[in-house]
């Protein structure tokens, strides 16, 4: 599975082996762009790109809109939307603002869910 995150002129692409929960997707965005909070601002919508099936999510941290593209199977949009909310709450409980992004990243890598989809 491929995760592509576009933010202003910056773009990050991560190849993920196996599957990742939306909670981990949330923390990927958090860790990559070092933002404190973000919210889903548009429903997942499918787009086609070079024959790949992508889902596009728009999220915002209050000052900028992030576009997240996730190559995945088509039946998980609702799970992603629900889990993005849960992931945000989980993140807020787990981390305080004085903790480092390295700690957040460790949390991400320790919480893969390979059976999610």
PDB file of N, CA and C in Angstrom:
ATOM      1  N   UNK A   1       0.850  -1.171   0.000  1.00  0.00           N
ATOM      2  CA  UNK A   1       0.000   0.000   0.000  1.00  0.00           C
ATOM      3  C   UNK A   1       0.891   1.229   0.000  1.00  0.00           C
ATOM      4  N   UNK A   2       0.469   2.241  -0.750  1.00  0.00           N
ATOM      5  CA  UNK A   2       1.261   3.455  -0.866  1.00  0.00           C
ATOM      6  C   UNK A   2       0.508   4.615  -0.240  1.00  0.00           C
ATOM      7  N   UNK A   3       1.206   5.374   0.588  1.00  0.00           N
ATOM      8  CA  UNK A   3       0.638   6.556   1.206  1.00  0.00           C
ATOM      9  C   UNK A   3       1.357   7.782   0.655  1.00  0.00           C
ATOM     10  N   UNK A   4       0.593   8.712   0.098  1.00  0.00           N
ATOM     11  CA  UNK A   4       1.170   9.940  -0.431  1.00  0.00           C
ATOM     12  C   UNK A   4       0.528  11.104   0.300  1.00  0.00           C
ATOM     13  N   UNK A   5       1.352  11.965   0.876  1.00  0.00           N
ATOM     14  CA  UNK A   5       0.839  13.130   1.583  1.00  0.00           C
ATOM     15  C   UNK A   5       1.386  14.377   0.920  1.00  0.00           C
ATOM     16  N   UNK A   6       0.491  15.237   0.479  1.00  0.00           N
ATOM     17  CA  UNK A   6       0.889  16.497  -0.148  1.00  0.00           C
ATOM     18  C   UNK A   6       0.533  17.646   0.779  1.00  0.00           C
ATOM     19  N   UNK A   7       1.502  18.522   1.034  1.00  0.00           N
ATOM     20  CA  UNK A   7       1.269  19.687   1.876  1.00  0.00           C
ATOM     21  C   UNK A   7       2.011  20.864   1.264  1.00  0.00           C
ATOM     22  N   UNK A   8       1.267  21.848   0.774  1.00  0.00           N
ATOM     23  CA  UNK A   8       1.846  22.981   0.071  1.00  0.00           C
ATOM     24  C   UNK A   8       2.769  22.453  -1.034  1.00  0.00           C
ATOM     25  N   UNK A   9       4.037  22.835  -1.038  1.00  0.00           N
ATOM     26  CA  UNK A   9       4.930  22.350  -2.094  1.00  0.00           C
ATOM     27  C   UNK A   9       5.611  21.040  -1.717  1.00  0.00           C
ATOM     28  N   UNK A  10       5.336  20.542  -0.549  1.00  0.00           N
ATOM     29  CA  UNK A  10       6.028  19.350  -0.077  1.00  0.00           C
ATOM     30  C   UNK A  10       5.190  18.103  -0.341  1.00  0.00           C
ATOM     31  N   UNK A  11       5.863  17.023  -0.635  1.00  0.00           N
ATOM     32  CA  UNK A  11       5.171  15.759  -0.848  1.00  0.00           C
ATOM     33  C   UNK A  11       5.991  14.654  -0.213  1.00  0.00           C
ATOM     34  N   UNK A  12       5.306  13.783   0.504  1.00  0.00           N
ATOM     35  CA  UNK A  12       5.967  12.631   1.103  1.00  0.00           C
ATOM     36  C   UNK A  12       5.264  11.380   0.604  1.00  0.00           C
ATOM     37  N   UNK A  13       6.034  10.367   0.313  1.00  0.00           N
ATOM     38  CA  UNK A  13       5.459   9.102  -0.120  1.00  0.00           C
ATOM     39  C   UNK A  13       6.059   7.992   0.719  1.00  0.00           C
ATOM     40  N   UNK A  14       5.204   7.132   1.235  1.00  0.00           N
ATOM     41  CA  UNK A  14       5.655   6.027   2.080  1.00  0.00           C
ATOM     42  C   UNK A  14       5.081   4.740   1.507  1.00  0.00           C
ATOM     43  N   UNK A  15       5.914   3.743   1.364  1.00  0.00           N
ATOM     44  CA  UNK A  15       5.434   2.419   0.968  1.00  0.00           C
ATOM     45  C   UNK A  15       5.212   1.628   2.249  1.00  0.00           C
ATOM     46  N   UNK A  16       3.995   1.170   2.446  1.00  0.00           N
ATOM     47  CA  UNK A  16       3.648   0.451   3.664  1.00  0.00           C
ATOM     48  C   UNK A  16       3.429  -1.010   3.318  1.00  0.00           C
ATOM     49  N   UNK A  17       4.152  -1.880   3.979  1.00  0.00           N
ATOM     50  CA  UNK A  17       3.950  -3.313   3.763  1.00  0.00           C
ATOM     51  C   UNK A  17       2.844  -3.783   4.684  1.00  0.00           C
ATOM     52  N   UNK A  18       1.961  -4.592   4.139  1.00  0.00           N
ATOM     53  CA  UNK A  18       0.806  -5.010   4.919  1.00  0.00           C
ATOM     54  C   UNK A  18      -0.223  -3.893   4.933  1.00  0.00           C
ATOM     55  N   UNK A  19      -0.974  -3.805   6.008  1.00  0.00           N
ATOM     56  CA  UNK A  19      -2.038  -2.809   6.101  1.00  0.00           C
ATOM     57  C   UNK A  19      -1.816  -1.943   7.328  1.00  0.00           C
ATOM     58  N   UNK A  20      -2.387  -0.780   7.294  1.00  0.00           N
ATOM     59  CA  UNK A  20      -2.232   0.159   8.403  1.00  0.00           C
ATOM     60  C   UNK A  20      -3.614   0.681   8.774  1.00  0.00           C
ATOM     61  N   UNK A  21      -3.843   0.876  10.054  1.00  0.00           N
ATOM     62  CA  UNK A  21      -5.127   1.430  10.473  1.00  0.00           C
ATOM     63  C   UNK A  21      -5.131   2.931  10.246  1.00  0.00           C
ATOM     64  N   UNK A  22      -6.326   3.496  10.257  1.00  0.00           N
ATOM     65  CA  UNK A  22      -6.427   4.942  10.101  1.00  0.00           C
ATOM     66  C   UNK A  22      -5.815   5.670  11.291  1.00  0.00           C
ATOM     67  N   UNK A  23      -5.805   5.025  12.456  1.00  0.00           N
ATOM     68  CA  UNK A  23      -5.131   5.625  13.608  1.00  0.00           C
ATOM     69  C   UNK A  23      -3.660   5.822  13.299  1.00  0.00           C
ATOM     70  N   UNK A  24      -3.056   4.832  12.677  1.00  0.00           N
ATOM     71  CA  UNK A  24      -1.655   4.959  12.301  1.00  0.00           C
ATOM     72  C   UNK A  24      -1.488   5.944  11.163  1.00  0.00           C
ATOM     73  N   UNK A  25      -2.449   5.990  10.249  1.00  0.00           N
ATOM     74  CA  UNK A  25      -2.397   6.980   9.181  1.00  0.00           C
ATOM     75  C   UNK A  25      -2.396   8.377   9.775  1.00  0.00           C
ATOM     76  N   UNK A  26      -3.228   8.588  10.771  1.00  0.00           N
ATOM     77  CA  UNK A  26      -3.274   9.877  11.453  1.00  0.00           C
ATOM     78  C   UNK A  26      -1.900  10.235  12.010  1.00  0.00           C
ATOM     79  N   UNK A  27      -1.279   9.286  12.661  1.00  0.00           N
ATOM     80  CA  UNK A  27       0.018   9.557  13.278  1.00  0.00           C
ATOM     81  C   UNK A  27       1.119   9.724  12.236  1.00  0.00           C
ATOM     82  N   UNK A  28       0.977   9.070  11.087  1.00  0.00           N
ATOM     83  CA  UNK A  28       1.923   9.309   9.986  1.00  0.00           C
ATOM     84  C   UNK A  28       1.894  10.785   9.586  1.00  0.00           C
ATOM     85  N   UNK A  29       0.688  11.317   9.405  1.00  0.00           N
ATOM     86  CA  UNK A  29       0.569  12.717   9.009  1.00  0.00           C
ATOM     87  C   UNK A  29       1.144  13.609  10.103  1.00  0.00           C
ATOM     88  N   UNK A  30       0.793  13.291  11.344  1.00  0.00           N
ATOM     89  CA  UNK A  30       1.287  14.055  12.489  1.00  0.00           C
ATOM     90  C   UNK A  30       2.816  14.058  12.522  1.00  0.00           C
ATOM     91  N   UNK A  31       3.408  12.896  12.372  1.00  0.00           N
ATOM     92  CA  UNK A  31       4.858  12.787  12.478  1.00  0.00           C
ATOM     93  C   UNK A  31       5.564  13.457  11.297  1.00  0.00           C
ATOM     94  N   UNK A  32       5.001  13.312  10.107  1.00  0.00           N
ATOM     95  CA  UNK A  32       5.670  13.850   8.925  1.00  0.00           C
ATOM     96  C   UNK A  32       5.668  15.374   8.895  1.00  0.00           C
ATOM     97  N   UNK A  33       4.574  15.963   9.329  1.00  0.00           N
ATOM     98  CA  UNK A  33       4.471  17.411   9.197  1.00  0.00           C
ATOM     99  C   UNK A  33       4.484  18.139  10.531  1.00  0.00           C
ATOM    100  N   UNK A  34       4.619  17.392  11.632  1.00  0.00           N
ATOM    101  CA  UNK A  34       4.766  17.966  12.965  1.00  0.00           C
ATOM    102  C   UNK A  34       3.659  18.974  13.281  1.00  0.00           C
ATOM    103  N   UNK A  35       2.428  18.530  13.099  1.00  0.00           N
ATOM    104  CA  UNK A  35       1.285  19.358  13.468  1.00  0.00           C
ATOM    105  C   UNK A  35       0.644  18.760  14.705  1.00  0.00           C
ATOM    106  N   UNK A  36       0.024  19.592  15.502  1.00  0.00           N
ATOM    107  CA  UNK A  36      -0.518  19.137  16.780  1.00  0.00           C
ATOM    108  C   UNK A  36      -1.868  18.436  16.620  1.00  0.00           C
ATOM    109  N   UNK A  37      -2.731  18.990  15.816  1.00  0.00           N
ATOM    110  CA  UNK A  37      -4.057  18.409  15.632  1.00  0.00           C
ATOM    111  C   UNK A  37      -4.492  18.611  14.191  1.00  0.00           C
ATOM    112  N   UNK A  38      -5.287  17.682  13.702  1.00  0.00           N
ATOM    113  CA  UNK A  38      -5.949  17.968  12.435  1.00  0.00           C
ATOM    114  C   UNK A  38      -7.287  17.270  12.369  1.00  0.00           C
ATOM    115  N   UNK A  39      -8.145  17.761  11.513  1.00  0.00           N
ATOM    116  CA  UNK A  39      -9.491  17.234  11.364  1.00  0.00           C
ATOM    117  C   UNK A  39      -9.740  16.876   9.914  1.00  0.00           C
ATOM    118  N   UNK A  40     -10.560  15.868   9.717  1.00  0.00           N
ATOM    119  CA  UNK A  40     -11.003  15.522   8.370  1.00  0.00           C
ATOM    120  C   UNK A  40     -11.971  16.604   7.898  1.00  0.00           C
ATOM    121  N   UNK A  41     -11.705  17.209   6.748  1.00  0.00           N
ATOM    122  CA  UNK A  41     -12.576  18.274   6.263  1.00  0.00           C
ATOM    123  C   UNK A  41     -13.361  17.899   5.017  1.00  0.00           C
ATOM    124  N   UNK A  42     -13.072  16.783   4.423  1.00  0.00           N
ATOM    125  CA  UNK A  42     -13.913  16.336   3.319  1.00  0.00           C
ATOM    126  C   UNK A  42     -14.002  14.822   3.362  1.00  0.00           C
ATOM    127  N   UNK A  43     -15.134  14.308   2.918  1.00  0.00           N
ATOM    128  CA  UNK A  43     -15.311  12.858   2.899  1.00  0.00           C
ATOM    129  C   UNK A  43     -14.329  12.233   1.922  1.00  0.00           C
ATOM    130  N   UNK A  44     -13.996  11.003   2.206  1.00  0.00           N
ATOM    131  CA  UNK A  44     -13.120  10.274   1.288  1.00  0.00           C
ATOM    132  C   UNK A  44     -13.795  10.193  -0.075  1.00  0.00           C
ATOM    133  N   UNK A  45     -13.031  10.454  -1.112  1.00  0.00           N
ATOM    134  CA  UNK A  45     -13.581  10.289  -2.454  1.00  0.00           C
ATOM    135  C   UNK A  45     -12.553   9.603  -3.327  1.00  0.00           C
ATOM    136  N   UNK A  46     -13.046   8.730  -4.156  1.00  0.00           N
ATOM    137  CA  UNK A  46     -12.147   7.963  -5.012  1.00  0.00           C
ATOM    138  C   UNK A  46     -11.699   8.797  -6.199  1.00  0.00           C
ATOM    139  N   UNK A  47     -10.423   8.688  -6.535  1.00  0.00           N
ATOM    140  CA  UNK A  47      -9.921   9.284  -7.767  1.00  0.00           C
ATOM    141  C   UNK A  47      -9.066   8.241  -8.468  1.00  0.00           C
ATOM    142  N   UNK A  48      -8.896   8.411  -9.742  1.00  0.00           N
ATOM    143  CA  UNK A  48      -8.077   7.485 -10.503  1.00  0.00           C
ATOM    144  C   UNK A  48      -6.766   8.166 -10.880  1.00  0.00           C
ATOM    145  N   UNK A  49      -5.684   7.441 -10.739  1.00  0.00           N
ATOM    146  CA  UNK A  49      -4.379   7.997 -11.073  1.00  0.00           C
ATOM    147  C   UNK A  49      -3.520   6.897 -11.669  1.00  0.00           C
ATOM    148  N   UNK A  50      -3.288   6.987 -12.966  1.00  0.00           N
ATOM    149  CA  UNK A  50      -2.457   6.009 -13.658  1.00  0.00           C
ATOM    150  C   UNK A  50      -2.918   4.577 -13.381  1.00  0.00           C
ATOM    151  N   UNK A  51      -4.220   4.376 -13.393  1.00  0.00           N
ATOM    152  CA  UNK A  51      -4.761   3.042 -13.225  1.00  0.00           C
ATOM    153  C   UNK A  51      -4.858   2.561 -11.797  1.00  0.00           C
ATOM    154  N   UNK A  52      -4.368   3.361 -10.858  1.00  0.00           N
ATOM    155  CA  UNK A  52      -4.439   2.954  -9.471  1.00  0.00           C
ATOM    156  C   UNK A  52      -5.730   3.469  -8.848  1.00  0.00           C
ATOM    157  N   UNK A  53      -6.262   2.721  -7.910  1.00  0.00           N
ATOM    158  CA  UNK A  53      -7.435   3.176  -7.181  1.00  0.00           C
ATOM    159  C   UNK A  53      -6.949   3.900  -5.925  1.00  0.00           C
ATOM    160  N   UNK A  54      -7.240   5.191  -5.854  1.00  0.00           N
ATOM    161  CA  UNK A  54      -6.792   5.997  -4.728  1.00  0.00           C
ATOM    162  C   UNK A  54      -7.999   6.544  -3.990  1.00  0.00           C
ATOM    163  N   UNK A  55      -7.837   6.783  -2.724  1.00  0.00           N
ATOM    164  CA  UNK A  55      -8.832   7.525  -1.971  1.00  0.00           C
ATOM    165  C   UNK A  55      -8.191   8.816  -1.514  1.00  0.00           C
ATOM    166  N   UNK A  56      -8.899   9.898  -1.698  1.00  0.00           N
ATOM    167  CA  UNK A  56      -8.371  11.205  -1.317  1.00  0.00           C
ATOM    168  C   UNK A  56      -9.092  11.688  -0.058  1.00  0.00           C
ATOM    169  N   UNK A  57      -8.323  12.065   0.931  1.00  0.00           N
ATOM    170  CA  UNK A  57      -8.862  12.672   2.133  1.00  0.00           C
ATOM    171  C   UNK A  57      -8.284  14.072   2.239  1.00  0.00           C
ATOM    172  N   UNK A  58      -9.094  15.022   2.650  1.00  0.00           N
ATOM    173  CA  UNK A  58      -8.562  16.346   2.955  1.00  0.00           C
ATOM    174  C   UNK A  58      -8.657  16.538   4.458  1.00  0.00           C
ATOM    175  N   UNK A  59      -7.556  16.963   5.043  1.00  0.00           N
ATOM    176  CA  UNK A  59      -7.528  17.225   6.475  1.00  0.00           C
ATOM    177  C   UNK A  59      -6.942  18.617   6.690  1.00  0.00           C
ATOM    178  N   UNK A  60      -7.261  19.211   7.829  1.00  0.00           N
ATOM    179  CA  UNK A  60      -6.719  20.535   8.117  1.00  0.00           C
ATOM    180  C   UNK A  60      -6.260  20.597   9.562  1.00  0.00           C
ATOM    181  N   UNK A  61      -5.239  21.401   9.797  1.00  0.00           N
ATOM    182  CA  UNK A  61      -4.805  21.653  11.171  1.00  0.00           C
ATOM    183  C   UNK A  61      -5.261  23.034  11.617  1.00  0.00           C
ATOM    184  N   UNK A  62      -6.181  23.626  10.886  1.00  0.00           N
ATOM    185  CA  UNK A  62      -6.706  24.931  11.238  1.00  0.00           C
ATOM    186  C   UNK A  62      -6.067  26.050  10.441  1.00  0.00           C
ATOM    187  N   UNK A  63      -4.889  25.812   9.899  1.00  0.00           N
ATOM    188  CA  UNK A  63      -4.215  26.858   9.138  1.00  0.00           C
ATOM    189  C   UNK A  63      -3.924  26.441   7.704  1.00  0.00           C
ATOM    190  N   UNK A  64      -3.935  25.154   7.435  1.00  0.00           N
ATOM    191  CA  UNK A  64      -3.625  24.680   6.089  1.00  0.00           C
ATOM    192  C   UNK A  64      -4.374  23.385   5.833  1.00  0.00           C
ATOM    193  N   UNK A  65      -4.638  23.139   4.576  1.00  0.00           N
ATOM    194  CA  UNK A  65      -5.322  21.900   4.197  1.00  0.00           C
ATOM    195  C   UNK A  65      -4.299  20.914   3.663  1.00  0.00           C
ATOM    196  N   UNK A  66      -4.350  19.711   4.163  1.00  0.00           N
ATOM    197  CA  UNK A  66      -3.490  18.625   3.725  1.00  0.00           C
ATOM    198  C   UNK A  66      -4.313  17.705   2.837  1.00  0.00           C
ATOM    199  N   UNK A  67      -3.694  17.189   1.807  1.00  0.00           N
ATOM    200  CA  UNK A  67      -4.359  16.189   0.974  1.00  0.00           C
ATOM    201  C   UNK A  67      -3.641  14.865   1.184  1.00  0.00           C
ATOM    202  N   UNK A  68      -4.382  13.865   1.571  1.00  0.00           N
ATOM    203  CA  UNK A  68      -3.821  12.546   1.811  1.00  0.00           C
ATOM    204  C   UNK A  68      -4.384  11.594   0.770  1.00  0.00           C
ATOM    205  N   UNK A  69      -3.500  10.955   0.042  1.00  0.00           N
ATOM    206  CA  UNK A  69      -3.912   9.962  -0.943  1.00  0.00           C
ATOM    207  C   UNK A  69      -3.490   8.591  -0.436  1.00  0.00           C
ATOM    208  N   UNK A  70      -4.414   7.674  -0.396  1.00  0.00           N
ATOM    209  CA  UNK A  70      -4.125   6.343   0.111  1.00  0.00           C
ATOM    210  C   UNK A  70      -4.552   5.312  -0.918  1.00  0.00           C
ATOM    211  N   UNK A  71      -3.582   4.549  -1.439  1.00  0.00           N
ATOM    212  CA  UNK A  71      -3.904   3.453  -2.349  1.00  0.00           C
ATOM    213  C   UNK A  71      -4.394   2.293  -1.502  1.00  0.00           C
ATOM    214  N   UNK A  72      -5.599   1.848  -1.732  1.00  0.00           N
ATOM    215  CA  UNK A  72      -6.151   0.791  -0.893  1.00  0.00           C
ATOM    216  C   UNK A  72      -7.386   0.211  -1.560  1.00  0.00           C
ATOM    217  N   UNK A  73      -7.933  -0.809  -0.942  1.00  0.00           N
ATOM    218  CA  UNK A  73      -9.162  -1.381  -1.469  1.00  0.00           C
ATOM    219  C   UNK A  73     -10.328  -0.442  -1.173  1.00  0.00           C
ATOM    220  N   UNK A  74     -11.399  -0.604  -1.920  1.00  0.00           N
ATOM    221  CA  UNK A  74     -12.459   0.411  -1.913  1.00  0.00           C
ATOM    222  C   UNK A  74     -13.428   0.302  -0.745  1.00  0.00           C
ATOM    223  N   UNK A  75     -13.368  -0.754   0.060  1.00  0.00           N
ATOM    224  CA  UNK A  75     -14.417  -0.961   1.049  1.00  0.00           C
ATOM    225  C   UNK A  75     -14.088  -0.394   2.431  1.00  0.00           C
ATOM    226  N   UNK A  76     -13.052   0.429   2.535  1.00  0.00           N
ATOM    227  CA  UNK A  76     -12.642   0.864   3.864  1.00  0.00           C
ATOM    228  C   UNK A  76     -12.847   2.356   4.116  1.00  0.00           C
ATOM    229  N   UNK A  77     -13.513   3.086   3.207  1.00  0.00           N
ATOM    230  CA  UNK A  77     -13.662   4.530   3.386  1.00  0.00           C
ATOM    231  C   UNK A  77     -14.335   4.872   4.716  1.00  0.00           C
ATOM    232  N   UNK A  78     -15.437   4.186   5.029  1.00  0.00           N
ATOM    233  CA  UNK A  78     -16.141   4.478   6.276  1.00  0.00           C
ATOM    234  C   UNK A  78     -15.294   4.155   7.493  1.00  0.00           C
ATOM    235  N   UNK A  79     -14.568   3.042   7.422  1.00  0.00           N
ATOM    236  CA  UNK A  79     -13.666   2.700   8.520  1.00  0.00           C
ATOM    237  C   UNK A  79     -12.612   3.777   8.704  1.00  0.00           C
ATOM    238  N   UNK A  80     -12.079   4.280   7.603  1.00  0.00           N
ATOM    239  CA  UNK A  80     -11.052   5.317   7.699  1.00  0.00           C
ATOM    240  C   UNK A  80     -11.602   6.575   8.349  1.00  0.00           C
ATOM    241  N   UNK A  81     -12.780   6.996   7.930  1.00  0.00           N
ATOM    242  CA  UNK A  81     -13.344   8.218   8.496  1.00  0.00           C
ATOM    243  C   UNK A  81     -13.599   8.053   9.987  1.00  0.00           C
ATOM    244  N   UNK A  82     -14.149   6.904  10.356  1.00  0.00           N
ATOM    245  CA  UNK A  82     -14.418   6.652  11.773  1.00  0.00           C
ATOM    246  C   UNK A  82     -13.117   6.582  12.562  1.00  0.00           C
ATOM    247  N   UNK A  83     -12.143   5.876  12.016  1.00  0.00           N
ATOM    248  CA  UNK A  83     -10.901   5.688  12.749  1.00  0.00           C
ATOM    249  C   UNK A  83     -10.021   6.925  12.767  1.00  0.00           C
ATOM    250  N   UNK A  84     -10.160   7.809  11.780  1.00  0.00           N
ATOM    251  CA  UNK A  84      -9.418   9.064  11.854  1.00  0.00           C
ATOM    252  C   UNK A  84      -9.840   9.852  13.080  1.00  0.00           C
ATOM    253  N   UNK A  85     -11.143   9.855  13.356  1.00  0.00           N
ATOM    254  CA  UNK A  85     -11.631  10.530  14.562  1.00  0.00           C
ATOM    255  C   UNK A  85     -11.086   9.831  15.803  1.00  0.00           C
ATOM    256  N   UNK A  86     -11.175   8.501  15.821  1.00  0.00           N
ATOM    257  CA  UNK A  86     -10.667   7.747  16.965  1.00  0.00           C
ATOM    258  C   UNK A  86      -9.157   7.923  17.111  1.00  0.00           C
ATOM    259  N   UNK A  87      -8.464   7.966  15.973  1.00  0.00           N
ATOM    260  CA  UNK A  87      -7.018   8.150  16.008  1.00  0.00           C
ATOM    261  C   UNK A  87      -6.636   9.494  16.593  1.00  0.00           C
ATOM    262  N   UNK A  88      -7.415  10.516  16.246  1.00  0.00           N
ATOM    263  CA  UNK A  88      -7.140  11.848  16.776  1.00  0.00           C
ATOM    264  C   UNK A  88      -7.311  11.839  18.294  1.00  0.00           C
ATOM    265  N   UNK A  89      -8.396  11.208  18.773  1.00  0.00           N
ATOM    266  CA  UNK A  89      -8.627  11.147  20.216  1.00  0.00           C
ATOM    267  C   UNK A  89      -7.544  10.321  20.905  1.00  0.00           C
ATOM    268  N   UNK A  90      -7.172   9.222  20.270  1.00  0.00           N
ATOM    269  CA  UNK A  90      -6.133   8.357  20.820  1.00  0.00           C
ATOM    270  C   UNK A  90      -4.804   9.105  20.907  1.00  0.00           C
ATOM    271  N   UNK A  91      -4.504   9.872  19.864  1.00  0.00           N
ATOM    272  CA  UNK A  91      -3.260  10.641  19.860  1.00  0.00           C
ATOM    273  C   UNK A  91      -3.260  11.660  20.987  1.00  0.00           C
ATOM    274  N   UNK A  92      -4.375  12.366  21.139  1.00  0.00           N
ATOM    275  CA  UNK A  92      -4.447  13.416  22.153  1.00  0.00           C
ATOM    276  C   UNK A  92      -4.299  12.835  23.554  1.00  0.00           C
ATOM    277  N   UNK A  93      -4.815  11.634  23.772  1.00  0.00           N
ATOM    278  CA  UNK A  93      -4.649  10.991  25.074  1.00  0.00           C
ATOM    279  C   UNK A  93      -3.225  10.506  25.287  1.00  0.00           C
ATOM    280  N   UNK A  94      -2.615  10.013  24.222  1.00  0.00           N
ATOM    281  CA  UNK A  94      -1.315   9.351  24.337  1.00  0.00           C
ATOM    282  C   UNK A  94      -0.160  10.338  24.479  1.00  0.00           C
ATOM    283  N   UNK A  95      -0.254  11.458  23.790  1.00  0.00           N
ATOM    284  CA  UNK A  95       0.895  12.353  23.720  1.00  0.00           C
ATOM    285  C   UNK A  95       0.596  13.734  24.263  1.00  0.00           C
ATOM    286  N   UNK A  96       1.543  14.294  24.939  1.00  0.00           N
ATOM    287  CA  UNK A  96       1.480  15.688  25.379  1.00  0.00           C
ATOM    288  C   UNK A  96       2.371  16.507  24.445  1.00  0.00           C
ATOM    289  N   UNK A  97       2.169  17.803  24.442  1.00  0.00           N
ATOM    290  CA  UNK A  97       2.897  18.628  23.477  1.00  0.00           C
ATOM    291  C   UNK A  97       4.401  18.625  23.704  1.00  0.00           C
ATOM    292  N   UNK A  98       4.868  18.274  24.892  1.00  0.00           N
ATOM    293  CA  UNK A  98       6.307  18.308  25.141  1.00  0.00           C
ATOM    294  C   UNK A  98       6.999  17.013  24.738  1.00  0.00           C
ATOM    295  N   UNK A  99       6.251  16.033  24.249  1.00  0.00           N
ATOM    296  CA  UNK A  99       6.882  14.797  23.816  1.00  0.00           C
ATOM    297  C   UNK A  99       7.372  14.942  22.381  1.00  0.00           C
ATOM    298  N   UNK A 100       8.387  14.188  22.059  1.00  0.00           N
ATOM    299  CA  UNK A 100       9.032  14.361  20.765  1.00  0.00           C
ATOM    300  C   UNK A 100       8.317  13.587  19.666  1.00  0.00           C
ATOM    301  N   UNK A 101       8.591  13.971  18.421  1.00  0.00           N
ATOM    302  CA  UNK A 101       8.031  13.258  17.291  1.00  0.00           C
ATOM    303  C   UNK A 101       8.614  11.864  17.197  1.00  0.00           C
ATOM    304  N   UNK A 102       9.813  11.681  17.724  1.00  0.00           N
ATOM    305  CA  UNK A 102      10.406  10.348  17.717  1.00  0.00           C
ATOM    306  C   UNK A 102       9.568   9.390  18.565  1.00  0.00           C
ATOM    307  N   UNK A 103       9.079   9.884  19.684  1.00  0.00           N
ATOM    308  CA  UNK A 103       8.206   9.060  20.516  1.00  0.00           C
ATOM    309  C   UNK A 103       6.905   8.742  19.791  1.00  0.00           C
ATOM    310  N   UNK A 104       6.376   9.748  19.087  1.00  0.00           N
ATOM    311  CA  UNK A 104       5.153   9.529  18.315  1.00  0.00           C
ATOM    312  C   UNK A 104       5.393   8.478  17.242  1.00  0.00           C
ATOM    313  N   UNK A 105       6.546   8.563  16.585  1.00  0.00           N
ATOM    314  CA  UNK A 105       6.852   7.605  15.526  1.00  0.00           C
ATOM    315  C   UNK A 105       6.984   6.190  16.080  1.00  0.00           C
ATOM    316  N   UNK A 106       7.595   6.058  17.259  1.00  0.00           N
ATOM    317  CA  UNK A 106       7.687   4.742  17.895  1.00  0.00           C
ATOM    318  C   UNK A 106       6.296   4.189  18.151  1.00  0.00           C
ATOM    319  N   UNK A 107       5.387   5.061  18.587  1.00  0.00           N
ATOM    320  CA  UNK A 107       4.016   4.632  18.831  1.00  0.00           C
ATOM    321  C   UNK A 107       3.370   4.126  17.543  1.00  0.00           C
ATOM    322  N   UNK A 108       3.609   4.836  16.445  1.00  0.00           N
ATOM    323  CA  UNK A 108       3.058   4.418  15.149  1.00  0.00           C
ATOM    324  C   UNK A 108       3.559   3.027  14.787  1.00  0.00           C
ATOM    325  N   UNK A 109       4.869   2.834  14.858  1.00  0.00           N
ATOM    326  CA  UNK A 109       5.434   1.575  14.379  1.00  0.00           C
ATOM    327  C   UNK A 109       5.086   0.412  15.296  1.00  0.00           C
ATOM    328  N   UNK A 110       4.717   0.696  16.532  1.00  0.00           N
ATOM    329  CA  UNK A 110       4.342  -0.378  17.452  1.00  0.00           C
ATOM    330  C   UNK A 110       2.865  -0.716  17.372  1.00  0.00           C
ATOM    331  N   UNK A 111       2.098   0.048  16.585  1.00  0.00           N
ATOM    332  CA  UNK A 111       0.654  -0.161  16.571  1.00  0.00           C
ATOM    333  C   UNK A 111       0.100  -0.484  15.188  1.00  0.00           C
ATOM    334  N   UNK A 112       0.889  -1.171  14.371  1.00  0.00           N
ATOM    335  CA  UNK A 112       0.369  -1.634  13.090  1.00  0.00           C
ATOM    336  C   UNK A 112      -0.735  -2.655  13.335  1.00  0.00           C
ATOM    337  N   UNK A 113      -1.713  -2.666  12.474  1.00  0.00           N
ATOM    338  CA  UNK A 113      -2.760  -3.681  12.526  1.00  0.00           C
ATOM    339  C   UNK A 113      -2.810  -4.348  11.156  1.00  0.00           C
ATOM    340  N   UNK A 114      -2.118  -5.473  11.029  1.00  0.00           N
ATOM    341  CA  UNK A 114      -1.983  -6.112   9.721  1.00  0.00           C
ATOM    342  C   UNK A 114      -3.242  -6.862   9.311  1.00  0.00           C
ATOM    343  N   UNK A 115      -4.188  -7.030  10.242  1.00  0.00           N
ATOM    344  CA  UNK A 115      -5.412  -7.753   9.918  1.00  0.00           C
ATOM    345  C   UNK A 115      -6.603  -6.826   9.722  1.00  0.00           C
ATOM    346  N   UNK A 116      -6.344  -5.533   9.715  1.00  0.00           N
ATOM    347  CA  UNK A 116      -7.438  -4.563   9.676  1.00  0.00           C
ATOM    348  C   UNK A 116      -8.336  -4.758   8.461  1.00  0.00           C
ATOM    349  N   UNK A 117      -7.726  -4.900   7.275  1.00  0.00           N
ATOM    350  CA  UNK A 117      -8.518  -4.974   6.049  1.00  0.00           C
ATOM    351  C   UNK A 117      -8.497  -6.375   5.483  1.00  0.00           C
TER     352      UNK A 117
END
